[in-house]
Protein backbone atom coordinates (compact mmCIF):
# COMPACT_ATOMS: atom_id res chain seq x y z
CA MET A 1 3.05 -10.17 -93.19
CA ALA A 2 -0.49 -11.52 -92.82
CA PHE A 3 -4.17 -10.83 -93.25
CA ALA A 4 -7.30 -12.04 -91.43
CA LYS A 5 -11.04 -11.46 -91.72
CA ILE A 6 -13.67 -11.94 -89.01
CA TYR A 7 -17.34 -11.00 -88.69
CA SER A 8 -18.97 -8.96 -85.96
CA ALA A 9 -22.09 -6.80 -85.65
CA GLN A 10 -23.43 -3.63 -84.08
CA VAL A 11 -26.78 -2.11 -83.27
CA ASN A 12 -28.24 0.06 -86.04
CA LEU A 13 -31.44 1.82 -84.89
CA LEU A 14 -33.57 -1.06 -83.54
CA THR A 15 -31.94 -3.82 -85.60
CA GLY A 16 -28.47 -5.22 -86.12
CA ALA A 17 -25.89 -4.57 -88.83
CA ILE A 18 -23.22 -7.10 -89.76
CA VAL A 19 -19.69 -5.62 -89.76
CA THR A 20 -16.66 -7.24 -91.36
CA ILE A 21 -13.39 -6.83 -89.44
CA GLU A 22 -10.24 -7.03 -91.57
CA VAL A 23 -6.74 -6.87 -90.09
CA ASP A 24 -3.60 -6.36 -92.14
CA LEU A 25 -0.09 -6.62 -90.66
CA SER A 26 2.99 -5.26 -92.40
CA ARG A 27 6.60 -4.42 -91.53
CA GLY A 28 7.53 -0.95 -90.33
CA LEU A 29 7.58 1.29 -87.31
CA HIS A 30 4.80 0.42 -84.91
CA SER A 31 1.40 1.94 -85.65
CA PHE A 32 -2.12 0.78 -84.85
CA SER A 33 -5.01 2.39 -86.72
CA VAL A 34 -8.73 1.67 -87.02
CA VAL A 35 -10.54 2.83 -90.17
CA GLY A 36 -14.19 2.71 -91.23
CA LEU A 37 -15.90 5.64 -89.45
CA PRO A 38 -15.10 4.55 -85.86
CA ASP A 39 -16.35 6.62 -82.95
CA LYS A 40 -14.26 7.30 -79.85
CA ALA A 41 -15.25 4.03 -78.15
CA VAL A 42 -14.24 2.01 -81.22
CA ASP A 43 -10.99 3.90 -81.69
CA GLU A 44 -10.05 3.29 -78.06
CA SER A 45 -10.46 -0.45 -78.60
CA LYS A 46 -6.78 -0.48 -79.69
CA ASP A 47 -5.70 -0.10 -76.06
CA ARG A 48 -8.32 -2.50 -74.66
CA VAL A 49 -7.45 -5.18 -77.22
CA SER A 50 -3.70 -4.82 -76.64
CA GLY A 51 -4.09 -5.19 -72.88
CA ALA A 52 -6.50 -8.12 -73.21
CA ILE A 53 -4.21 -10.03 -75.58
CA LYS A 54 -1.15 -9.49 -73.35
CA ASN A 55 -2.98 -10.57 -70.17
CA SER A 56 -4.40 -13.65 -71.92
CA GLY A 57 -0.90 -15.10 -72.38
CA PHE A 58 -0.06 -13.84 -75.87
CA LYS A 59 2.36 -11.23 -77.12
CA SER A 60 0.92 -7.72 -77.15
CA PRO A 61 0.47 -6.01 -80.55
CA LYS A 62 2.38 -3.03 -79.14
CA ALA A 63 5.44 -5.18 -78.38
CA LYS A 64 6.26 -5.60 -82.07
CA ASN A 65 7.49 -3.18 -84.72
CA GLN A 66 4.69 -3.59 -87.20
CA LYS A 67 1.99 -1.61 -88.92
CA ILE A 68 -1.49 -2.75 -87.91
CA ILE A 69 -4.53 -1.63 -89.88
CA VAL A 70 -8.00 -2.64 -88.72
CA SER A 71 -10.73 -2.00 -91.30
CA LEU A 72 -14.41 -2.07 -90.35
CA SER A 73 -16.77 -2.40 -93.29
CA PRO A 74 -19.13 -1.22 -94.67
CA ALA A 75 -16.99 1.91 -94.50
CA ASP A 76 -19.92 4.34 -94.76
CA LEU A 77 -21.67 2.98 -91.64
CA LYS A 78 -20.83 4.81 -88.41
CA LYS A 79 -19.27 2.31 -86.01
CA GLU A 80 -20.35 2.90 -82.41
CA GLY A 81 -19.74 1.17 -79.11
CA PRO A 82 -17.50 -1.65 -77.85
CA PHE A 83 -19.11 -4.44 -79.90
CA PHE A 84 -15.95 -5.15 -81.93
CA ASP A 85 -13.32 -5.69 -79.21
CA LEU A 86 -13.50 -9.49 -79.29
CA GLY A 87 -13.54 -9.60 -83.10
CA ILE A 88 -10.57 -7.23 -83.45
CA ALA A 89 -8.54 -9.23 -80.90
CA LEU A 90 -9.19 -12.56 -82.61
CA ALA A 91 -8.59 -11.12 -86.07
CA TYR A 92 -5.21 -9.74 -84.96
CA MET A 93 -4.18 -13.00 -83.31
CA LYS A 94 -5.17 -14.95 -86.41
CA ALA A 95 -3.25 -12.58 -88.69
CA ALA A 96 -0.20 -12.78 -86.41
CA GLY A 97 -0.29 -16.57 -86.49
CA ASP A 98 -0.93 -16.95 -82.76
CA ILE A 99 -4.11 -18.96 -83.38
CA LYS A 100 -5.71 -20.76 -86.31
CA PHE A 101 -9.44 -21.24 -86.88
CA ASN A 102 -12.16 -21.02 -89.52
CA SER A 103 -14.02 -17.72 -89.09
CA GLU A 104 -16.72 -18.30 -91.71
CA LYS A 105 -20.36 -18.38 -90.53
CA LYS A 106 -19.27 -17.10 -87.10
CA ILE A 107 -20.04 -13.80 -85.34
CA PHE A 108 -17.89 -12.45 -82.51
CA LEU A 109 -19.27 -9.83 -80.12
CA GLY A 110 -18.16 -8.34 -76.84
CA GLU A 111 -16.27 -5.66 -74.96
CA LEU A 112 -12.90 -6.64 -73.54
CA GLY A 113 -11.46 -5.63 -70.21
CA LEU A 114 -7.72 -5.11 -69.92
CA ASP A 115 -7.48 -8.48 -68.16
CA GLY A 116 -9.20 -10.22 -71.07
CA THR A 117 -12.65 -10.60 -69.49
CA LEU A 118 -15.71 -10.22 -71.69
CA ARG A 119 -18.24 -7.60 -70.64
CA ARG A 120 -21.95 -7.35 -71.42
CA ILE A 121 -23.10 -5.47 -74.52
CA ARG A 122 -26.50 -4.06 -75.44
CA GLY A 123 -28.74 -5.33 -78.21
CA ALA A 124 -27.77 -9.01 -78.09
CA LEU A 125 -31.22 -10.19 -79.21
CA PRO A 126 -31.57 -8.04 -82.39
CA LEU A 127 -27.93 -8.78 -83.23
CA ALA A 128 -28.61 -12.52 -83.02
CA GLN A 129 -31.73 -12.11 -85.15
CA GLU A 130 -29.78 -10.26 -87.83
CA ALA A 131 -27.00 -12.87 -87.78
CA LYS A 132 -29.53 -15.62 -88.36
CA ARG A 133 -31.13 -13.69 -91.24
CA LYS A 134 -27.71 -13.35 -92.87
CA GLY A 135 -27.02 -17.09 -92.67
CA PHE A 136 -24.52 -17.21 -89.79
CA GLU A 137 -24.42 -20.40 -87.73
CA GLU A 138 -22.57 -19.48 -84.52
CA ILE A 139 -22.33 -16.44 -82.23
CA TYR A 140 -19.65 -15.91 -79.58
CA LEU A 141 -20.50 -13.23 -77.02
CA PRO A 142 -20.28 -12.45 -73.27
CA LYS A 143 -21.86 -14.98 -70.95
CA GLU A 144 -24.22 -12.34 -69.56
CA ASN A 145 -25.79 -11.95 -73.01
CA ALA A 146 -25.90 -15.64 -73.93
CA SER A 147 -29.42 -16.53 -72.82
CA GLU A 148 -30.92 -13.38 -74.33
CA ALA A 149 -29.36 -14.22 -77.69
CA ALA A 150 -30.36 -17.88 -77.29
CA LEU A 151 -34.02 -16.88 -77.68
CA VAL A 152 -33.29 -16.88 -81.41
CA GLU A 153 -33.73 -20.42 -82.69
CA GLY A 154 -31.65 -21.96 -85.44
CA ILE A 155 -28.28 -20.48 -84.47
CA LYS A 156 -25.72 -21.69 -81.92
CA ILE A 157 -24.97 -19.33 -79.04
CA PHE A 158 -21.71 -19.57 -77.13
CA GLY A 159 -21.35 -17.49 -73.98
CA ALA A 160 -17.80 -16.96 -72.72
CA GLU A 161 -16.30 -15.14 -69.76
CA SER A 162 -12.96 -14.19 -71.31
CA LEU A 163 -10.93 -13.91 -74.48
CA GLU A 164 -8.83 -16.86 -73.32
CA GLU A 165 -11.92 -19.08 -73.06
CA VAL A 166 -12.96 -18.23 -76.63
CA VAL A 167 -9.45 -18.89 -77.92
CA GLU A 168 -9.33 -22.28 -76.19
CA HIS A 169 -12.52 -23.27 -77.93
CA ILE A 170 -11.93 -22.05 -81.49
CA ASP A 171 -8.15 -22.61 -81.80
CA GLU A 172 -7.58 -25.74 -83.86
CA TYR A 173 -4.71 -26.74 -81.55
CA LYS A 174 -6.78 -26.37 -78.37
CA ARG A 175 -10.22 -27.97 -78.20
CA PRO A 176 -11.80 -27.98 -74.72
CA PRO A 177 -15.50 -27.80 -75.54
CA LEU A 178 -17.44 -24.62 -74.86
CA SER A 179 -21.02 -25.86 -74.58
CA ASP A 180 -24.08 -24.19 -76.05
CA LYS A 181 -25.77 -22.06 -73.44
CA ASN A 182 -29.16 -23.21 -72.22
CA ARG A 183 -31.97 -21.64 -74.13
CA THR A 184 -34.84 -19.94 -72.32
CA SER A 185 -38.42 -19.30 -73.28
CA PRO A 186 -40.71 -16.34 -72.63
CA PRO A 187 -43.11 -16.87 -69.71
CA SER A 188 -46.38 -18.68 -70.29
CA GLN A 189 -49.54 -16.67 -70.77
CA GLY A 190 -50.55 -17.35 -67.16
CA GLU A 191 -47.36 -15.97 -65.64
CA ARG A 192 -47.03 -12.30 -64.70
CA LYS A 193 -43.40 -12.11 -63.81
CA LYS A 194 -39.96 -11.51 -65.19
CA ILE A 195 -37.72 -14.51 -65.65
CA PRO A 196 -33.91 -14.76 -65.55
CA VAL A 197 -32.47 -15.25 -69.01
CA GLN A 198 -29.68 -17.56 -67.86
CA PRO A 199 -30.30 -20.03 -65.05
CA GLN A 200 -26.58 -20.66 -64.51
CA THR A 201 -25.88 -17.07 -63.50
CA LYS A 202 -27.18 -14.71 -60.85
CA VAL A 203 -30.88 -13.99 -61.29
CA ASN A 204 -31.46 -10.48 -62.62
CA TYR A 205 -34.96 -9.06 -62.49
CA LYS A 206 -36.14 -6.01 -64.36
CA LYS A 207 -37.50 -3.41 -61.96
CA GLU A 208 -41.28 -3.23 -62.28
CA VAL A 209 -43.42 -0.33 -61.15
CA LYS A 210 -45.53 -1.59 -58.27
CA GLY A 211 -48.94 0.02 -58.50
CA SER A 212 -51.80 -0.08 -56.05
CA ASP A 213 -54.61 -2.54 -56.55
CA PHE A 214 -57.88 -0.97 -57.67
CA SER A 215 -59.57 -2.32 -54.55
CA ASP A 216 -57.21 -0.18 -52.44
CA ILE A 217 -58.33 3.05 -54.12
CA ARG A 218 -61.36 4.53 -52.37
CA GLY A 219 -64.15 5.88 -54.55
CA GLN A 220 -63.38 7.20 -58.05
CA GLU A 221 -65.67 4.63 -59.70
CA GLY A 222 -66.04 6.82 -62.79
CA ALA A 223 -62.28 7.00 -63.27
CA LYS A 224 -61.93 3.25 -62.76
CA ARG A 225 -64.56 2.63 -65.42
CA GLY A 226 -62.76 4.92 -67.85
CA LEU A 227 -59.45 3.14 -67.22
CA GLU A 228 -61.10 -0.24 -67.78
CA ILE A 229 -62.38 0.93 -71.16
CA ALA A 230 -58.96 2.37 -72.03
CA ALA A 231 -57.24 -0.93 -71.20
CA ALA A 232 -59.78 -3.01 -73.10
CA GLY A 233 -59.55 -1.02 -76.33
CA GLY A 234 -56.06 0.45 -76.11
CA HIS A 235 -57.47 3.99 -75.88
CA ASN A 236 -55.63 7.08 -74.66
CA ILE A 237 -57.02 8.61 -71.49
CA ALA A 238 -56.58 11.84 -69.53
CA MET A 239 -57.58 12.33 -65.89
CA TYR A 240 -58.13 15.80 -64.49
CA GLY A 241 -59.06 16.99 -61.02
CA PRO A 242 -57.78 18.70 -57.85
CA PRO A 243 -54.45 17.66 -56.33
CA GLY A 244 -54.43 14.62 -54.07
CA THR A 245 -57.53 12.91 -55.47
CA GLY A 246 -55.71 9.75 -56.62
CA LYS A 247 -54.84 10.41 -60.26
CA THR A 248 -51.30 9.07 -59.96
CA MET A 249 -52.42 6.02 -57.95
CA LEU A 250 -55.01 5.21 -60.59
CA ALA A 251 -52.46 5.54 -63.39
CA ARG A 252 -49.99 3.20 -61.67
CA ALA A 253 -52.72 0.66 -60.94
CA PHE A 254 -53.77 0.85 -64.59
CA SER A 255 -50.74 -1.14 -65.78
CA GLN A 256 -52.04 -4.18 -63.88
CA LEU A 257 -55.12 -4.29 -66.11
CA LEU A 258 -53.20 -4.99 -69.31
CA PRO A 259 -53.14 -8.57 -70.63
CA ASP A 260 -50.00 -10.68 -70.88
CA LEU A 261 -47.74 -10.16 -73.87
CA PRO A 262 -47.61 -12.89 -76.53
CA THR A 263 -44.25 -14.42 -77.36
CA ASP A 264 -43.60 -12.33 -80.47
CA GLU A 265 -44.19 -9.10 -78.53
CA VAL A 266 -41.92 -10.26 -75.70
CA LEU A 267 -39.12 -10.67 -78.25
CA GLU A 268 -39.97 -7.36 -79.90
CA LEU A 269 -39.91 -5.42 -76.62
CA THR A 270 -36.81 -7.16 -75.32
CA GLY A 271 -35.01 -6.19 -78.50
CA ILE A 272 -36.06 -2.54 -78.21
CA HIS A 273 -35.08 -2.22 -74.55
CA SER A 274 -31.85 -4.13 -75.10
CA VAL A 275 -30.84 -1.72 -77.88
CA ALA A 276 -31.69 1.23 -75.61
CA GLY A 277 -29.57 -0.26 -72.84
CA SER A 278 -32.45 -0.25 -70.35
CA THR A 279 -32.21 -3.97 -69.52
CA GLN A 280 -29.63 -5.84 -67.50
CA GLY A 281 -29.84 -9.10 -69.41
CA GLU A 282 -33.46 -9.95 -68.58
CA LEU A 283 -36.57 -10.34 -70.70
CA VAL A 284 -39.24 -7.66 -70.90
CA CYS A 285 -42.21 -9.99 -70.49
CA PHE A 286 -44.86 -7.55 -69.26
CA PRO A 287 -46.27 -4.34 -70.80
CA PRO A 288 -43.75 -1.56 -70.03
CA PHE A 289 -44.80 1.35 -67.83
CA ARG A 290 -42.85 4.53 -68.56
CA ALA A 291 -43.34 7.63 -66.41
CA PRO A 292 -40.89 10.40 -67.46
CA HIS A 293 -40.72 13.57 -65.37
CA HIS A 294 -42.34 16.72 -66.80
CA THR A 295 -38.90 18.34 -67.12
CA SER A 296 -37.80 15.67 -69.63
CA SER A 297 -36.39 16.98 -72.89
CA TYR A 298 -37.87 16.64 -76.35
CA VAL A 299 -35.22 14.13 -77.48
CA SER A 300 -35.63 11.94 -74.39
CA ILE A 301 -39.40 11.66 -74.99
CA ILE A 302 -39.57 11.41 -78.80
CA GLY A 303 -36.11 10.11 -79.59
CA GLY A 304 -33.48 11.55 -81.89
CA GLY A 305 -29.91 12.70 -81.68
CA THR A 306 -27.28 13.02 -84.39
CA TYR A 307 -27.71 9.32 -85.00
CA PRO A 308 -31.40 8.70 -84.13
CA LYS A 309 -32.10 6.66 -81.02
CA PRO A 310 -35.47 5.66 -79.51
CA GLY A 311 -37.13 7.79 -76.83
CA GLU A 312 -39.78 7.19 -74.18
CA VAL A 313 -42.61 6.85 -76.72
CA THR A 314 -40.78 3.85 -78.21
CA LEU A 315 -39.73 2.38 -74.86
CA ALA A 316 -43.45 2.49 -73.91
CA HIS A 317 -44.35 0.50 -77.05
CA ARG A 318 -47.00 -2.17 -76.26
CA GLY A 319 -47.40 -0.63 -72.82
CA VAL A 320 -48.22 2.61 -71.00
CA LEU A 321 -46.75 6.09 -71.25
CA PHE A 322 -47.79 7.98 -68.12
CA LEU A 323 -47.37 11.75 -68.27
CA ASP A 324 -48.09 13.22 -64.86
CA GLU A 325 -48.66 17.01 -64.69
CA PHE A 326 -49.33 16.84 -68.43
CA PRO A 327 -49.57 20.60 -69.16
CA GLU A 328 -46.26 21.20 -67.36
CA PHE A 329 -44.34 19.38 -70.09
CA GLU A 330 -42.58 21.57 -72.62
CA LYS A 331 -44.98 22.76 -75.34
CA ARG A 332 -42.76 21.23 -78.03
CA VAL A 333 -42.86 17.84 -76.29
CA ILE A 334 -46.65 17.84 -76.03
CA GLU A 335 -47.14 18.83 -79.68
CA SER A 336 -44.67 16.19 -80.85
CA LEU A 337 -47.02 13.50 -79.53
CA ARG A 338 -49.37 14.11 -82.46
CA GLN A 339 -47.82 11.56 -84.82
CA PRO A 340 -47.31 8.76 -82.24
CA LEU A 341 -50.90 9.13 -80.99
CA GLU A 342 -52.34 9.08 -84.51
CA ASP A 343 -50.10 6.65 -86.41
CA ASN A 344 -48.50 4.53 -83.66
CA ILE A 345 -45.07 5.33 -85.08
CA VAL A 346 -42.61 8.18 -84.76
CA SER A 347 -40.50 9.29 -87.73
CA ILE A 348 -37.26 11.10 -86.92
CA SER A 349 -35.23 12.80 -89.65
CA ARG A 350 -31.74 14.15 -89.11
CA ALA A 351 -28.95 15.25 -91.41
CA LYS A 352 -27.16 11.93 -90.94
CA GLY A 353 -30.14 9.62 -91.11
CA THR A 354 -33.86 8.97 -90.88
CA ALA A 355 -35.47 6.48 -88.52
CA VAL A 356 -39.01 5.20 -88.01
CA PHE A 357 -39.61 3.74 -84.56
CA PRO A 358 -42.74 1.91 -83.32
CA SER A 359 -44.73 3.75 -80.65
CA ASN A 360 -48.01 1.92 -80.15
CA PHE A 361 -48.65 2.81 -76.51
CA ILE A 362 -51.57 3.83 -74.31
CA LEU A 363 -51.17 7.42 -73.17
CA VAL A 364 -52.32 8.02 -69.61
CA ALA A 365 -52.18 11.72 -68.78
CA ALA A 366 -52.91 13.33 -65.42
CA MET A 367 -53.42 17.05 -64.88
CA ASN A 368 -54.84 19.66 -62.57
CA PRO A 369 -57.69 21.85 -63.88
CA CYS A 370 -55.67 25.03 -63.24
CA PRO A 371 -52.25 26.08 -61.91
CA CYS A 372 -53.37 26.04 -58.27
CA GLY A 373 -55.44 22.92 -58.89
CA ASN A 374 -58.68 24.09 -57.27
CA ALA A 375 -60.72 25.36 -60.22
CA VAL A 376 -63.29 22.56 -59.79
CA ASN A 377 -62.62 21.93 -56.12
CA LYS A 378 -65.75 22.35 -54.00
CA GLN A 379 -63.74 22.44 -50.80
CA LYS A 380 -61.17 25.11 -51.72
CA ALA A 381 -61.30 28.35 -53.66
CA CYS A 382 -59.27 28.85 -56.82
CA ILE A 383 -56.68 31.64 -56.47
CA CYS A 384 -55.59 31.75 -60.11
CA LYS A 385 -55.84 34.97 -62.11
CA PRO A 386 -57.88 34.93 -65.34
CA SER A 387 -54.67 35.39 -67.31
CA ASP A 388 -53.14 32.37 -65.55
CA LEU A 389 -56.18 30.27 -66.43
CA ASP A 390 -56.02 31.31 -70.09
CA ARG A 391 -52.30 30.58 -70.27
CA TYR A 392 -52.81 27.18 -68.65
CA LYS A 393 -55.58 26.20 -71.06
CA ARG A 394 -53.48 27.17 -74.06
CA LYS A 395 -50.79 24.66 -73.08
CA LEU A 396 -52.92 21.89 -74.57
CA SER A 397 -53.79 22.53 -78.20
CA GLY A 398 -57.00 21.37 -79.86
CA PRO A 399 -55.27 18.65 -81.93
CA ILE A 400 -53.77 17.10 -78.81
CA VAL A 401 -57.07 17.21 -76.92
CA ASP A 402 -58.76 15.64 -79.95
CA ARG A 403 -56.33 12.72 -80.02
CA ILE A 404 -57.06 11.67 -76.44
CA ASP A 405 -60.06 9.36 -76.48
CA LEU A 406 -61.31 9.56 -72.91
CA TRP A 407 -61.38 12.52 -70.54
CA VAL A 408 -62.23 11.53 -66.97
CA SER A 409 -62.90 13.81 -64.01
CA VAL A 410 -61.29 12.70 -60.74
CA GLY A 411 -62.97 14.69 -57.97
CA ASN A 412 -62.62 14.80 -54.21
CA VAL A 413 -63.55 11.67 -52.28
CA ASP A 414 -65.85 11.73 -49.27
CA TYR A 415 -63.83 11.47 -46.07
CA LYS A 416 -66.09 8.67 -44.85
CA LYS A 417 -65.02 6.55 -47.82
CA LEU A 418 -61.38 7.33 -47.16
CA GLY A 419 -61.62 5.99 -43.63
CA GLY A 420 -63.40 2.79 -44.58
CA GLU A 421 -62.04 -0.46 -45.93
CA GLY A 422 -61.58 -0.99 -49.64
CA ASN A 423 -64.50 -3.00 -50.97
CA GLY A 424 -64.31 -2.25 -54.68
CA GLU A 425 -63.37 -4.67 -57.44
CA CYS A 426 -59.76 -5.82 -57.44
CA SER A 427 -57.49 -5.31 -60.42
CA GLU A 428 -57.49 -9.01 -61.29
CA THR A 429 -61.29 -9.09 -61.68
CA ILE A 430 -61.25 -6.08 -63.98
CA ARG A 431 -58.29 -7.53 -65.86
CA GLU A 432 -60.26 -10.68 -66.67
CA ARG A 433 -62.94 -8.54 -68.33
CA VAL A 434 -60.25 -6.65 -70.23
CA LYS A 435 -58.72 -9.92 -71.44
CA ALA A 436 -62.14 -11.17 -72.60
CA ALA A 437 -62.78 -7.94 -74.53
CA ARG A 438 -59.29 -8.06 -76.09
CA LEU A 439 -59.90 -11.65 -77.20
CA ILE A 440 -63.16 -10.61 -78.90
CA GLN A 441 -61.30 -7.86 -80.77
CA GLU A 442 -58.45 -10.15 -81.77
CA LYS A 443 -60.82 -12.74 -83.21
CA ARG A 444 -62.82 -10.06 -85.03
CA PHE A 445 -59.78 -8.46 -86.65
CA SER A 446 -58.28 -11.84 -87.46
CA ALA A 447 -61.46 -12.74 -89.35
CA GLN A 448 -61.39 -9.37 -91.13
CA GLY A 449 -57.71 -9.76 -91.99
CA GLY A 450 -57.09 -6.06 -91.17
CA SER A 451 -53.79 -4.42 -90.29
CA ALA A 452 -53.27 -1.17 -88.45
CA SER A 453 -51.70 1.63 -90.45
CA GLY A 454 -48.85 2.09 -87.98
CA GLY A 455 -48.46 -1.53 -86.96
CA LYS A 456 -48.44 -2.70 -90.58
CA LYS A 457 -45.14 -0.93 -91.12
CA PHE A 458 -43.59 -3.26 -88.56
CA GLY A 459 -45.47 -6.35 -89.72
CA LYS A 460 -48.01 -6.25 -86.88
CA LYS A 461 -51.69 -6.98 -87.26
CA MET A 462 -54.38 -4.83 -85.72
CA THR A 463 -55.40 -6.14 -82.29
CA THR A 464 -57.35 -3.36 -80.50
CA ASN A 465 -60.24 -1.07 -81.36
CA SER A 466 -58.09 2.04 -81.02
CA GLU A 467 -56.11 0.98 -84.11
CA MET A 468 -59.13 0.92 -86.42
CA ASN A 469 -59.29 3.29 -89.38
CA VAL A 470 -62.41 4.71 -91.02
CA LYS A 471 -62.72 1.74 -93.36
CA ASP A 472 -62.61 -0.68 -90.43
CA LEU A 473 -65.34 1.26 -88.61
CA GLY A 474 -67.69 0.67 -91.52
CA THR A 475 -67.27 -3.10 -91.26
CA VAL A 476 -66.78 -3.97 -87.58
CA ALA A 477 -68.64 -1.11 -85.85
CA LYS A 478 -71.77 -0.69 -87.93
CA LEU A 479 -74.52 1.46 -86.42
CA ASP A 480 -78.21 1.09 -87.13
CA ALA A 481 -80.24 4.10 -88.25
CA LYS A 482 -81.44 5.17 -84.79
CA VAL A 483 -78.03 4.85 -83.17
CA ARG A 484 -76.41 6.72 -86.07
CA GLU A 485 -78.98 9.53 -85.74
CA LEU A 486 -78.28 9.76 -81.99
CA LEU A 487 -74.55 10.02 -82.65
CA ASP A 488 -74.98 12.61 -85.41
CA ASN A 489 -77.18 14.84 -83.25
CA SER A 490 -74.82 14.59 -80.30
CA ALA A 491 -71.79 15.34 -82.47
CA GLU A 492 -73.50 18.41 -83.90
CA ASN A 493 -74.46 19.72 -80.45
CA LEU A 494 -70.96 19.14 -79.05
CA GLY A 495 -69.16 20.40 -82.15
CA LEU A 496 -67.09 17.23 -82.51
CA SER A 497 -64.39 17.09 -85.16
CA ALA A 498 -64.33 14.24 -87.67
CA ARG A 499 -61.55 12.60 -85.66
CA ALA A 500 -63.49 12.89 -82.39
CA TYR A 501 -66.61 11.55 -84.13
CA HIS A 502 -64.78 8.38 -85.17
CA ARG A 503 -63.13 8.01 -81.79
CA VAL A 504 -66.54 8.01 -80.12
CA ILE A 505 -67.49 5.04 -82.30
CA LYS A 506 -64.27 3.23 -81.35
CA ILE A 507 -64.93 3.76 -77.65
CA ALA A 508 -68.52 2.62 -78.05
CA ARG A 509 -67.30 -0.52 -79.83
CA THR A 510 -65.00 -1.24 -76.87
CA ILE A 511 -67.83 -0.71 -74.37
CA ALA A 512 -69.94 -3.15 -76.38
CA ASP A 513 -67.10 -5.68 -76.32
CA LEU A 514 -66.84 -5.38 -72.52
CA GLU A 515 -70.53 -6.26 -72.36
CA ASN A 516 -70.06 -9.01 -74.96
CA SER A 517 -72.57 -7.25 -77.22
CA GLU A 518 -72.39 -8.00 -80.92
CA ASN A 519 -73.85 -4.63 -81.94
CA VAL A 520 -73.12 -1.08 -80.80
CA GLU A 521 -76.26 0.13 -79.04
CA ALA A 522 -77.50 3.59 -78.07
CA ASN A 523 -76.36 3.22 -74.45
CA HIS A 524 -72.82 2.46 -75.65
CA ILE A 525 -72.78 5.63 -77.75
CA LEU A 526 -74.15 7.74 -74.88
CA GLU A 527 -71.49 6.47 -72.47
CA ALA A 528 -68.74 7.05 -75.03
CA ILE A 529 -69.87 10.64 -75.59
CA GLN A 530 -69.61 11.33 -71.87
CA TYR A 531 -65.85 10.84 -72.10
CA ARG A 532 -65.31 13.64 -74.59
CA PRO A 533 -63.99 16.93 -73.07
CA LYS A 534 -66.69 19.36 -72.05
CA VAL A 535 -65.29 22.10 -74.29
CA ASN A 536 -65.22 22.43 -78.04
CA SER A 537 -61.99 20.98 -79.45
């Protein structure tokens, strides 16, 4: 009887994949089949599409004796999710002669309700980016996704509320205009807030973890200094001490020290979180703070599955991954952090595919010194057995300890300080110093033209000291003879590994940047060495 072809797209890892929808109608007893490796959600689109077409004022596909074949190509790509409902409906209606329009250079996305309404999908931003790369000129998608997709310049975005509204716009016999949705921009560098992606609709804000201000935390000046260094250089940090000393409060306040995200990173993070389905149509315009519980599974932290999907280490990209009660995480989870901490990426291989996800985050770990938590507590006695202590220490392997740059002790606070008013520096003051140090690093690496090993894979230039490799250390963190001798002697006495040796230099370079010092001096090296664990790693 008839044939029609329409273009749609779906999420594939962290990017989009263009899918061609072909519909063929022929005489015969009624049948409706979808081919091209559809999953359950795609296969069930037959019923959603039929209901949507009928309730939009057209004749249902199931009301005719005809054979309907819907082909989704490429045929070897697994089709997942409800992305194709709108495309399948329009392709059928075009093949049946109900409507007439030119489908070239157009992408149709969206899940259909039985009443014909269009429902929000995930991954609108990366899908729009892929459509632009492939030369498409227009995208039709749910209104809730319109402003997110409109962040991509050079392609027209049409947001609709129903199948009927799309038909009225594209049908050559019905031409009420469906206007381009207003485009939005990421927040300016001075703004620290989330913005709605579509002013015409209800404002949706992404839930942000509200941390305490540093001025509200009594004492713990050593821990605050360590966190400032970690924020300035992008270094991983672990805090250890008795229960109730403020480790979790410090970690949550830490996220306020991070600088604003540039526009390209806002788009990058919004795309990642949109694909993961962790947004509700809003931009991710601040460094993410992820705090999974210690009972979280390996796949939820690292990512994976039959068809690999990103985990917490990727959702924390460009932000903070806070692991409270660090040793209580499954041993397999802790050991799997080796690659993300070293290379800023995570590579996942499965029988049905391999994926490389970005994971350039700052690890903030918090832990007790022993199972009861009182091993270093001067106010309470430790009740742990020697075997319990040995078992607890073995939960963190040497390679993991080596990959954490700063180890900070968080001890008990004097009760007199607890009862007084907070008079320490506020987070905003510390953040200004962090921003100044980050700017120094950015200018330095821009002049050097260097790229981080992990970031380079995703087209990102090196921006923080933690991303330096050995070659970079020789050019941007040169040590004079006396400082080098001091470092060598200290490394020999402490039994530092080669990795720990280089990390000390990176930390010292960050300390120098915080002091706006061009050279790494002896005092910078000595302070950096203090942050290494007090045991041989």
